Amino acid sequence: MKPVEIYTSPMCGFCHAAKRLLTQKGVTFSEIDVWADPARKPEMIQRANGGRTVPQIFIGEDHVGGCDELYALERAGKLDALLAA
């Protein structure tokens, strides 16, 4: 399974929803809290091609996007393949 990284902040409902989906699927992920470690936010913005909102989700080297994009992949039946590839 590819490594999964998710940039979050603690008060973000979309972050919690994305983490909930990944957890329900049994996916282990690394969480980078840009609220607790604001020095990591410029890194997130650069990796996310200018994305400034959280969550920003990466599967391997692929930038998935945010919570809506993660759920769209799941609904389309493409998330499992992306995680496994």
C-alpha atoms as a PDB file:
ATOM      1  CA  MET A   1       0.000   0.000   0.000  1.00  0.00           C
ATOM      2  CA  LYS A   2       1.262   3.463  -0.872  1.00  0.00           C
ATOM      3  CA  PRO A   3       2.026   5.842   1.993  1.00  0.00           C
ATOM      4  CA  VAL A   4      -0.751   8.341   2.690  1.00  0.00           C
ATOM      5  CA  GLU A   5      -0.139  11.831   4.082  1.00  0.00           C
ATOM      6  CA  ILE A   6      -2.843  14.260   5.081  1.00  0.00           C
ATOM      7  CA  TYR A   7      -2.333  17.895   6.065  1.00  0.00           C
ATOM      8  CA  THR A   8      -4.945  18.873   8.647  1.00  0.00           C
ATOM      9  CA  SER A   9      -5.977  21.243  11.391  1.00  0.00           C
ATOM     10  CA  PRO A  10      -7.900  20.212  14.526  1.00  0.00           C
ATOM     11  CA  MET A  11     -11.043  22.303  13.965  1.00  0.00           C
ATOM     12  CA  CYS A  12     -11.578  21.162  10.362  1.00  0.00           C
ATOM     13  CA  GLY A  13     -14.680  19.023   9.850  1.00  0.00           C
ATOM     14  CA  PHE A  14     -13.541  18.013   6.359  1.00  0.00           C
ATOM     15  CA  CYS A  15     -10.238  16.811   7.848  1.00  0.00           C
ATOM     16  CA  HIS A  16     -12.106  14.640  10.335  1.00  0.00           C
ATOM     17  CA  ALA A  17     -14.328  13.222   7.567  1.00  0.00           C
ATOM     18  CA  ALA A  18     -11.327  12.375   5.367  1.00  0.00           C
ATOM     19  CA  LYS A  19      -9.494  10.723   8.253  1.00  0.00           C
ATOM     20  CA  ARG A  20     -12.655   8.795   9.158  1.00  0.00           C
ATOM     21  CA  LEU A  21     -12.946   7.370   5.633  1.00  0.00           C
ATOM     22  CA  LEU A  22      -9.285   6.356   5.566  1.00  0.00           C
ATOM     23  CA  THR A  23      -9.571   4.773   9.022  1.00  0.00           C
ATOM     24  CA  GLN A  24     -12.729   2.857   8.019  1.00  0.00           C
ATOM     25  CA  LYS A  25     -10.818   1.480   5.052  1.00  0.00           C
ATOM     26  CA  GLY A  26      -7.966   0.369   7.338  1.00  0.00           C
ATOM     27  CA  VAL A  27      -5.518   2.835   5.790  1.00  0.00           C
ATOM     28  CA  THR A  28      -2.597   3.947   7.909  1.00  0.00           C
ATOM     29  CA  PHE A  29      -1.747   7.588   7.280  1.00  0.00           C
ATOM     30  CA  SER A  30       0.655  10.264   8.457  1.00  0.00           C
ATOM     31  CA  GLU A  31      -1.048  13.407   9.709  1.00  0.00           C
ATOM     32  CA  ILE A  32       0.645  16.783   9.483  1.00  0.00           C
ATOM     33  CA  ASP A  33      -1.170  19.309  11.673  1.00  0.00           C
ATOM     34  CA  VAL A  34      -0.492  22.728  10.144  1.00  0.00           C
ATOM     35  CA  TRP A  35      -2.177  24.384  13.115  1.00  0.00           C
ATOM     36  CA  ALA A  36       0.316  22.903  15.585  1.00  0.00           C
ATOM     37  CA  ASP A  37       3.244  23.189  13.160  1.00  0.00           C
ATOM     38  CA  PRO A  38       2.592  26.284  11.004  1.00  0.00           C
ATOM     39  CA  ALA A  39       6.065  26.042   9.466  1.00  0.00           C
ATOM     40  CA  ARG A  40       4.751  23.054   7.471  1.00  0.00           C
ATOM     41  CA  LYS A  41       1.986  25.072   5.748  1.00  0.00           C
ATOM     42  CA  PRO A  42       4.252  26.506   2.986  1.00  0.00           C
ATOM     43  CA  GLU A  43       5.390  22.935   2.283  1.00  0.00           C
ATOM     44  CA  MET A  44       1.739  21.870   1.966  1.00  0.00           C
ATOM     45  CA  ILE A  45       0.926  24.770  -0.379  1.00  0.00           C
ATOM     46  CA  GLN A  46       3.881  23.945  -2.602  1.00  0.00           C
ATOM     47  CA  ARG A  47       3.122  20.219  -2.728  1.00  0.00           C
ATOM     48  CA  ALA A  48      -0.592  20.928  -3.353  1.00  0.00           C
ATOM     49  CA  ASN A  49       0.144  23.239  -6.307  1.00  0.00           C
ATOM     50  CA  GLY A  50      -1.123  26.286  -4.430  1.00  0.00           C
ATOM     51  CA  GLY A  51      -3.832  24.556  -2.366  1.00  0.00           C
ATOM     52  CA  ARG A  52      -4.159  26.532   0.869  1.00  0.00           C
ATOM     53  CA  THR A  53      -7.073  24.798   2.560  1.00  0.00           C
ATOM     54  CA  VAL A  54      -7.013  21.644   4.628  1.00  0.00           C
ATOM     55  CA  PRO A  55      -7.176  18.785   4.222  1.00  0.00           C
ATOM     56  CA  GLN A  56      -4.654  18.254   1.467  1.00  0.00           C
ATOM     57  CA  ILE A  57      -4.255  14.536   0.844  1.00  0.00           C
ATOM     58  CA  PHE A  58      -1.391  12.699  -0.843  1.00  0.00           C
ATOM     59  CA  ILE A  59      -1.303   9.034  -1.761  1.00  0.00           C
ATOM     60  CA  GLY A  60       2.259   8.183  -2.604  1.00  0.00           C
ATOM     61  CA  GLU A  61       3.435  11.077  -4.750  1.00  0.00           C
ATOM     62  CA  ASP A  62      -0.081  11.732  -6.087  1.00  0.00           C
ATOM     63  CA  HIS A  63      -1.936  14.795  -4.840  1.00  0.00           C
ATOM     64  CA  VAL A  64      -5.538  13.661  -4.375  1.00  0.00           C
ATOM     65  CA  GLY A  65      -6.845  17.043  -3.281  1.00  0.00           C
ATOM     66  CA  GLY A  66      -9.214  17.536  -0.372  1.00  0.00           C
ATOM     67  CA  CYS A  67     -12.006  15.638   1.325  1.00  0.00           C
ATOM     68  CA  ASP A  68     -14.464  15.998  -1.564  1.00  0.00           C
ATOM     69  CA  GLU A  69     -11.967  14.548  -4.031  1.00  0.00           C
ATOM     70  CA  LEU A  70     -11.152  11.660  -1.671  1.00  0.00           C
ATOM     71  CA  TYR A  71     -14.847  10.756  -1.331  1.00  0.00           C
ATOM     72  CA  ALA A  72     -15.326  11.117  -5.106  1.00  0.00           C
ATOM     73  CA  LEU A  73     -12.566   8.561  -5.676  1.00  0.00           C
ATOM     74  CA  GLU A  74     -14.265   6.232  -3.195  1.00  0.00           C
ATOM     75  CA  ARG A  75     -17.691   6.635  -4.856  1.00  0.00           C
ATOM     76  CA  ALA A  76     -16.160   5.983  -8.275  1.00  0.00           C
ATOM     77  CA  GLY A  77     -14.497   2.798  -7.005  1.00  0.00           C
ATOM     78  CA  LYS A  78     -11.015   4.180  -7.741  1.00  0.00           C
ATOM     79  CA  LEU A  79      -9.650   4.769  -4.230  1.00  0.00           C
ATOM     80  CA  ASP A  80      -8.671   1.168  -3.490  1.00  0.00           C
ATOM     81  CA  ALA A  81      -6.719   0.877  -6.751  1.00  0.00           C
ATOM     82  CA  LEU A  82      -4.907   4.151  -6.092  1.00  0.00           C
ATOM     83  CA  LEU A  83      -3.976   3.020  -2.588  1.00  0.00           C
ATOM     84  CA  ALA A  84      -2.746  -0.368  -3.803  1.00  0.00           C
ATOM     85  CA  ALA A  85      -0.899   0.705  -6.941  1.00  0.00           C
END
